[in-house]
Amino acid sequence: MSKKIGSALVFCILLLTSCVARTYDYGYMQPAYIFPGVGLGTIIAVVISWTRNKSVLWAIIHGILGWFYVIYAIIVKEK
């Protein structure tokens, strides 16, 4: 049970960090990312990969694949 809580906590922290927005003088909201190229698909893929494999290398590879790995993980469920 604690593994699920830890994974959920990491996911929530990364999600909240990626959803922070900056306000400019002219009132337009510009989304601020952790760094360019990291989006919601990347974060979800890394969390799913880490939960399944416990490997940094696989988490990096699956983070690069992003939404493709998320969809794959949904289709091919872990036993």
C-alpha atoms as a PDB file:
ATOM      1  CA  MET A   1       0.000   0.000   0.000  1.00  0.00           C
ATOM      2  CA  SER A   2       2.841   2.420   0.751  1.00  0.00           C
ATOM      3  CA  LYS A   3       4.267   1.987  -2.793  1.00  0.00           C
ATOM      4  CA  LYS A   4       0.984   3.208  -4.253  1.00  0.00           C
ATOM      5  CA  ILE A   5       0.899   6.183  -1.908  1.00  0.00           C
ATOM      6  CA  GLY A   6       4.505   7.087  -2.750  1.00  0.00           C
ATOM      7  CA  SER A   7       3.859   6.837  -6.484  1.00  0.00           C
ATOM      8  CA  ALA A   8       0.696   8.900  -6.171  1.00  0.00           C
ATOM      9  CA  LEU A   9       2.555  11.522  -4.143  1.00  0.00           C
ATOM     10  CA  VAL A  10       5.349  11.805  -6.729  1.00  0.00           C
ATOM     11  CA  PHE A  11       2.773  12.071  -9.508  1.00  0.00           C
ATOM     12  CA  CYS A  12       0.833  14.805  -7.695  1.00  0.00           C
ATOM     13  CA  ILE A  13       3.963  16.837  -6.968  1.00  0.00           C
ATOM     14  CA  LEU A  14       5.144  16.648 -10.587  1.00  0.00           C
ATOM     15  CA  LEU A  15       1.657  17.431 -11.893  1.00  0.00           C
ATOM     16  CA  LEU A  16       1.272  20.473  -9.654  1.00  0.00           C
ATOM     17  CA  THR A  17       4.747  21.685 -10.578  1.00  0.00           C
ATOM     18  CA  SER A  18       3.966  21.437 -14.286  1.00  0.00           C
ATOM     19  CA  CYS A  19       0.614  23.230 -13.937  1.00  0.00           C
ATOM     20  CA  VAL A  20       1.994  26.423 -12.397  1.00  0.00           C
ATOM     21  CA  ALA A  21       1.273  29.451 -14.551  1.00  0.00           C
ATOM     22  CA  ARG A  22       2.894  32.887 -14.734  1.00  0.00           C
ATOM     23  CA  THR A  23       0.933  36.096 -15.203  1.00  0.00           C
ATOM     24  CA  TYR A  24       2.391  38.828 -17.387  1.00  0.00           C
ATOM     25  CA  ASP A  25       1.501  42.530 -17.318  1.00  0.00           C
ATOM     26  CA  TYR A  26      -0.987  42.182 -20.147  1.00  0.00           C
ATOM     27  CA  GLY A  27      -2.995  39.490 -18.290  1.00  0.00           C
ATOM     28  CA  TYR A  28      -2.130  36.496 -20.485  1.00  0.00           C
ATOM     29  CA  MET A  29      -1.471  33.243 -18.622  1.00  0.00           C
ATOM     30  CA  GLN A  30       1.632  31.455 -19.923  1.00  0.00           C
ATOM     31  CA  PRO A  31       2.105  27.886 -18.672  1.00  0.00           C
ATOM     32  CA  ALA A  32       5.421  27.275 -16.940  1.00  0.00           C
ATOM     33  CA  TYR A  33       6.963  23.826 -17.269  1.00  0.00           C
ATOM     34  CA  ILE A  34       9.598  22.117 -15.170  1.00  0.00           C
ATOM     35  CA  PHE A  35      11.832  22.683 -18.194  1.00  0.00           C
ATOM     36  CA  PRO A  36      11.062  22.828 -21.917  1.00  0.00           C
ATOM     37  CA  GLY A  37       9.824  19.536 -23.314  1.00  0.00           C
ATOM     38  CA  VAL A  38       8.427  18.092 -20.079  1.00  0.00           C
ATOM     39  CA  GLY A  39       4.689  17.763 -20.281  1.00  0.00           C
ATOM     40  CA  LEU A  40       1.937  15.816 -18.627  1.00  0.00           C
ATOM     41  CA  GLY A  41       2.517  12.723 -20.832  1.00  0.00           C
ATOM     42  CA  THR A  42       6.179  12.602 -19.866  1.00  0.00           C
ATOM     43  CA  ILE A  43       5.407  12.864 -16.165  1.00  0.00           C
ATOM     44  CA  ILE A  44       2.732  10.160 -16.277  1.00  0.00           C
ATOM     45  CA  ALA A  45       4.991   7.860 -18.322  1.00  0.00           C
ATOM     46  CA  VAL A  46       7.892   8.239 -15.871  1.00  0.00           C
ATOM     47  CA  VAL A  47       5.669   7.554 -12.855  1.00  0.00           C
ATOM     48  CA  ILE A  48       4.101   4.473 -14.464  1.00  0.00           C
ATOM     49  CA  SER A  49       7.513   3.196 -15.581  1.00  0.00           C
ATOM     50  CA  TRP A  50       9.072   3.699 -12.152  1.00  0.00           C
ATOM     51  CA  THR A  51       6.109   1.987 -10.460  1.00  0.00           C
ATOM     52  CA  ARG A  52       6.412  -1.040 -12.746  1.00  0.00           C
ATOM     53  CA  ASN A  53      10.177  -1.392 -13.273  1.00  0.00           C
ATOM     54  CA  LYS A  54      12.038   0.507 -10.510  1.00  0.00           C
ATOM     55  CA  SER A  55      14.685   1.422 -13.108  1.00  0.00           C
ATOM     56  CA  VAL A  56      15.965   4.913 -13.875  1.00  0.00           C
ATOM     57  CA  LEU A  57      17.045   3.915 -17.390  1.00  0.00           C
ATOM     58  CA  TRP A  58      13.594   2.580 -18.299  1.00  0.00           C
ATOM     59  CA  ALA A  59      11.955   5.656 -16.715  1.00  0.00           C
ATOM     60  CA  ILE A  60      14.073   7.938 -18.936  1.00  0.00           C
ATOM     61  CA  ILE A  61      13.292   5.913 -22.068  1.00  0.00           C
ATOM     62  CA  HIS A  62       9.577   5.801 -21.284  1.00  0.00           C
ATOM     63  CA  GLY A  63       9.614   9.521 -20.455  1.00  0.00           C
ATOM     64  CA  ILE A  64      10.972  10.224 -23.935  1.00  0.00           C
ATOM     65  CA  LEU A  65       8.187   8.122 -25.447  1.00  0.00           C
ATOM     66  CA  GLY A  66       5.597   9.959 -23.320  1.00  0.00           C
ATOM     67  CA  TRP A  67       1.969   9.332 -24.274  1.00  0.00           C
ATOM     68  CA  PHE A  68       2.922   6.313 -26.427  1.00  0.00           C
ATOM     69  CA  TYR A  69       4.112   4.475 -23.325  1.00  0.00           C
ATOM     70  CA  VAL A  70       1.088   5.598 -21.286  1.00  0.00           C
ATOM     71  CA  ILE A  71      -1.262   4.135 -23.896  1.00  0.00           C
ATOM     72  CA  TYR A  72       0.856   0.962 -24.102  1.00  0.00           C
ATOM     73  CA  ALA A  73       0.776   0.592 -20.300  1.00  0.00           C
ATOM     74  CA  ILE A  74      -3.024   0.908 -20.301  1.00  0.00           C
ATOM     75  CA  ILE A  75      -3.409  -1.716 -23.033  1.00  0.00           C
ATOM     76  CA  VAL A  76      -0.835  -4.173 -21.630  1.00  0.00           C
ATOM     77  CA  LYS A  77      -1.669  -4.407 -17.963  1.00  0.00           C
ATOM     78  CA  GLU A  78       0.838  -5.723 -15.443  1.00  0.00           C
ATOM     79  CA  LYS A  79       0.100  -9.182 -14.033  1.00  0.00           C
END
